Protein backbone atom coordinates (compact mmCIF):
# COMPACT_ATOMS: atom_id res chain seq x y z
CA UNK A 1 133.76 -31.66 52.17
CA UNK A 2 134.24 -35.33 54.02
CA UNK A 3 133.97 -34.75 57.81
CA UNK A 4 133.05 -37.90 59.14
CA UNK A 5 136.47 -37.60 60.72
CA UNK A 6 136.12 -34.49 62.51
CA UNK A 7 135.63 -34.04 66.29
CA UNK A 8 132.47 -32.63 67.74
CA UNK A 9 132.67 -30.36 71.00
CA UNK A 10 129.41 -28.38 72.38
CA UNK A 11 129.22 -24.71 73.84
CA UNK A 12 126.52 -24.23 76.18
CA UNK A 13 125.82 -21.35 78.97
CA UNK A 14 128.87 -21.54 80.26
CA UNK A 15 131.00 -20.36 77.48
CA UNK A 16 134.57 -21.01 76.20
CA UNK A 17 136.39 -21.93 79.53
CA UNK A 18 140.33 -22.71 80.10
CA UNK A 19 138.84 -26.09 80.40
CA UNK A 20 136.98 -25.82 76.53
CA UNK A 21 140.66 -24.52 75.49
CA UNK A 22 142.80 -27.11 77.08
CA UNK A 23 140.69 -29.56 75.35
CA UNK A 24 140.49 -28.09 72.38
CA UNK A 25 144.68 -27.94 71.84
CA UNK A 26 144.43 -32.02 72.88
CA UNK A 27 142.14 -32.38 70.54
CA UNK A 28 144.03 -30.61 67.88
CA UNK A 29 146.96 -32.84 68.19
CA UNK A 30 145.41 -35.64 66.51
CA UNK A 31 142.48 -33.80 64.39
CA UNK A 32 142.64 -30.95 61.88
CA UNK A 33 139.01 -30.46 62.14
CA UNK A 34 136.66 -30.22 64.52
CA UNK A 35 132.98 -28.64 65.03
CA UNK A 36 131.69 -27.13 67.91
CA UNK A 37 128.02 -26.31 68.17
CA UNK A 38 126.79 -23.64 70.17
CA UNK A 39 123.62 -24.95 72.03
CA UNK A 40 120.69 -22.61 72.81
CA UNK A 41 121.72 -21.73 76.06
CA UNK A 42 125.06 -20.19 74.69
CA UNK A 43 123.14 -17.38 73.40
CA UNK A 44 122.94 -18.35 70.09
CA UNK A 45 122.87 -15.97 67.22
CA UNK A 46 125.06 -14.98 64.55
CA UNK A 47 127.12 -11.82 66.10
CA UNK A 48 127.93 -13.99 69.78
CA UNK A 49 128.63 -17.44 67.45
CA UNK A 50 131.48 -14.67 65.08
CA UNK A 51 133.17 -13.50 68.98
CA UNK A 52 132.98 -17.30 69.85
CA UNK A 53 134.56 -18.50 67.04
CA UNK A 54 137.00 -15.46 67.62
CA UNK A 55 137.72 -15.54 71.23
CA UNK A 56 138.46 -19.23 70.51
CA UNK A 57 141.10 -18.13 67.61
CA UNK A 58 142.89 -16.06 69.50
CA UNK A 59 143.51 -17.94 72.96
CA UNK A 60 144.22 -21.24 70.73
CA UNK A 61 148.25 -21.13 70.95
CA UNK A 62 147.75 -24.08 67.72
CA UNK A 63 146.83 -21.76 64.13
CA UNK A 64 143.65 -22.48 63.13
CA UNK A 65 140.92 -20.90 60.73
CA UNK A 66 137.48 -21.08 61.35
CA UNK A 67 134.31 -21.11 59.06
CA UNK A 68 130.75 -20.92 60.59
CA UNK A 69 127.76 -22.65 59.28
CA UNK A 70 124.79 -21.79 60.89
CA UNK A 71 125.65 -22.49 64.96
CA UNK A 72 128.78 -24.44 64.68
CA UNK A 73 132.04 -23.38 64.26
CA UNK A 74 134.79 -25.86 62.24
CA UNK A 75 137.63 -25.50 63.20
CA UNK A 76 140.75 -26.11 60.87
CA UNK A 77 144.26 -26.83 61.80
CA UNK A 78 146.71 -24.82 59.67
CA UNK A 79 149.59 -26.97 58.08
CA UNK A 80 153.25 -25.77 59.83
CA UNK A 81 154.45 -27.01 56.36
CA UNK A 82 154.86 -23.88 53.96
CA UNK A 83 155.18 -24.37 49.80
């Protein structure tokens, strides 16, 4: 799977603020895939990464799926068309 066209974000010690959510919403208007890196200052462990992914999905108004690879959350915008 190529992800050269994906947008990259970083989450640090301030965590997932409303500003981060607003930025992700804006980015999802033009991008289908966003890579979100959890920095060491965000408390990087598997459980915290999963909690961050769930929190992001619940706060976004755009319907998305997530995949976790290491300390990176990959956000996929769901298609609005159903077959």
